[in-house]
Amino acid sequence: MALEDAKTEIDHAFTRPDLKGLSFENAFAGAPSFLRRRYGKDLTGVDIAVTGIPFDQAVTNRPGARLGPRAIREASALQPFDPPYGWDGFSPLEELAILDYGDMAFD
């Protein structure tokens, strides 16, 4: 995927052809998935599955913890295009198959 693809393709959370590699999508567009990884429930070939737990019950008069997984996904949209620093030649986004499993149904 190249930087030019960011101008023509959005919603990599649904349209990514593979689970590995850097992602070039505008941070302000598309569905917010963790590090612009693909959403899915099929764990075949997945090295890391990330899931959120939106849970607000353990707070008193300070609701909002349930919005944490969504905020982390939105903030991580700024990172997936840039190779990581300090990994000494290892790029987790290019070498590991990472999937956003979505949020858990927790009530």
Protein backbone atom coordinates (compact mmCIF):
# COMPACT_ATOMS: atom_id res chain seq x y z
CA MET A 1 0.00 0.00 0.00
CA ALA A 2 1.47 3.35 -0.97
CA LEU A 3 0.83 6.90 0.09
CA GLU A 4 -1.06 7.52 -3.16
CA ASP A 5 -3.64 4.92 -2.05
CA ALA A 6 -4.67 7.22 0.81
CA LYS A 7 -6.26 9.55 -1.73
CA THR A 8 -8.40 6.85 -3.34
CA GLU A 9 -9.09 4.29 -0.62
CA ILE A 10 -10.62 4.80 2.78
CA ASP A 11 -11.98 2.52 5.48
CA HIS A 12 -8.97 0.24 5.63
CA ALA A 13 -10.69 -1.25 8.67
CA PHE A 14 -12.91 -3.06 6.17
CA THR A 15 -10.94 -3.06 2.91
CA ARG A 16 -7.34 -3.96 3.90
CA PRO A 17 -6.23 -6.87 1.73
CA ASP A 18 -3.83 -8.25 4.35
CA LEU A 19 -3.09 -8.02 8.05
CA LYS A 20 0.54 -6.93 7.78
CA GLY A 21 2.16 -3.71 6.59
CA LEU A 22 2.00 0.01 7.14
CA SER A 23 -1.25 1.83 6.44
CA PHE A 24 -1.59 5.11 4.57
CA GLU A 25 -5.02 6.52 5.28
CA ASN A 26 -5.93 10.04 6.32
CA ALA A 27 -6.23 10.17 10.11
CA PHE A 28 -9.46 12.17 9.92
CA ALA A 29 -11.30 9.82 7.52
CA GLY A 30 -12.53 6.26 7.59
CA ALA A 31 -13.66 3.92 10.33
CA PRO A 32 -11.44 4.14 13.41
CA SER A 33 -9.80 0.76 13.96
CA PHE A 34 -6.74 0.14 16.13
CA LEU A 35 -3.68 1.28 14.14
CA ARG A 36 -5.85 1.15 10.99
CA ARG A 37 -5.80 -2.65 11.17
CA ARG A 38 -8.66 -4.63 9.69
CA TYR A 39 -11.76 -5.40 11.76
CA GLY A 40 -12.73 -9.04 11.93
CA LYS A 41 -13.69 -12.05 14.02
CA ASP A 42 -11.72 -14.69 12.09
CA LEU A 43 -8.46 -15.34 13.94
CA THR A 44 -6.93 -17.53 11.23
CA GLY A 45 -3.34 -16.42 10.67
CA VAL A 46 -3.55 -13.65 13.28
CA ASP A 47 -0.57 -13.02 15.55
CA ILE A 48 -2.19 -10.31 17.71
CA ALA A 49 -5.88 -9.56 18.21
CA VAL A 50 -6.76 -6.28 19.91
CA THR A 51 -10.12 -5.92 21.63
CA GLY A 52 -11.70 -3.13 23.64
CA ILE A 53 -13.72 -3.41 26.83
CA PRO A 54 -16.08 -0.42 27.09
CA PHE A 55 -17.00 -0.55 30.78
CA ASP A 56 -18.33 2.26 32.95
CA GLN A 57 -19.70 0.45 35.99
CA ALA A 58 -16.67 0.78 38.27
CA VAL A 59 -16.72 4.59 38.32
CA THR A 60 -18.77 6.85 40.56
CA ASN A 61 -19.97 10.23 39.26
CA ARG A 62 -17.22 10.18 36.61
CA PRO A 63 -18.65 8.30 33.62
CA GLY A 64 -16.75 8.05 30.39
CA ALA A 65 -14.44 5.07 30.85
CA ARG A 66 -16.64 3.23 28.35
CA LEU A 67 -15.37 5.62 25.67
CA GLY A 68 -11.74 4.58 26.25
CA PRO A 69 -11.50 1.91 23.51
CA ARG A 70 -12.94 4.30 20.92
CA ALA A 71 -10.53 7.08 21.98
CA ILE A 72 -7.55 4.72 21.74
CA ARG A 73 -8.60 3.66 18.23
CA GLU A 74 -8.97 7.29 17.13
CA ALA A 75 -5.60 8.29 18.61
CA SER A 76 -3.84 5.28 17.07
CA ALA A 77 -4.97 6.41 13.60
CA LEU A 78 -2.08 8.88 13.68
CA GLN A 79 0.57 6.16 13.99
CA PRO A 80 0.19 3.34 11.40
CA PHE A 81 1.91 5.08 8.49
CA ASP A 82 5.20 5.66 10.32
CA PRO A 83 7.77 2.93 10.98
CA PRO A 84 8.32 2.47 14.73
CA TYR A 85 11.38 3.94 16.37
CA GLY A 86 13.79 2.06 18.60
CA TRP A 87 12.85 -1.47 17.53
CA ASP A 88 16.32 -2.22 16.10
CA GLY A 89 15.17 -3.37 12.68
CA PHE A 90 11.94 -5.04 13.84
CA SER A 91 8.71 -3.47 12.60
CA PRO A 92 5.69 -4.97 14.38
CA LEU A 93 3.26 -3.49 11.85
CA GLU A 94 5.08 -5.10 8.93
CA GLU A 95 5.99 -8.43 10.53
CA LEU A 96 2.98 -9.28 12.72
CA ALA A 97 -0.56 -9.97 11.55
CA ILE A 98 -2.62 -7.63 13.75
CA LEU A 99 -6.42 -7.65 13.81
CA ASP A 100 -8.89 -5.32 15.53
CA TYR A 101 -11.39 -7.76 17.05
CA GLY A 102 -13.79 -4.99 18.04
CA ASP A 103 -15.26 -4.42 21.48
CA MET A 104 -16.42 -7.07 23.92
CA ALA A 105 -20.06 -7.17 24.89
CA PHE A 106 -19.70 -6.56 28.61
CA ASP A 107 -22.71 -5.73 30.75
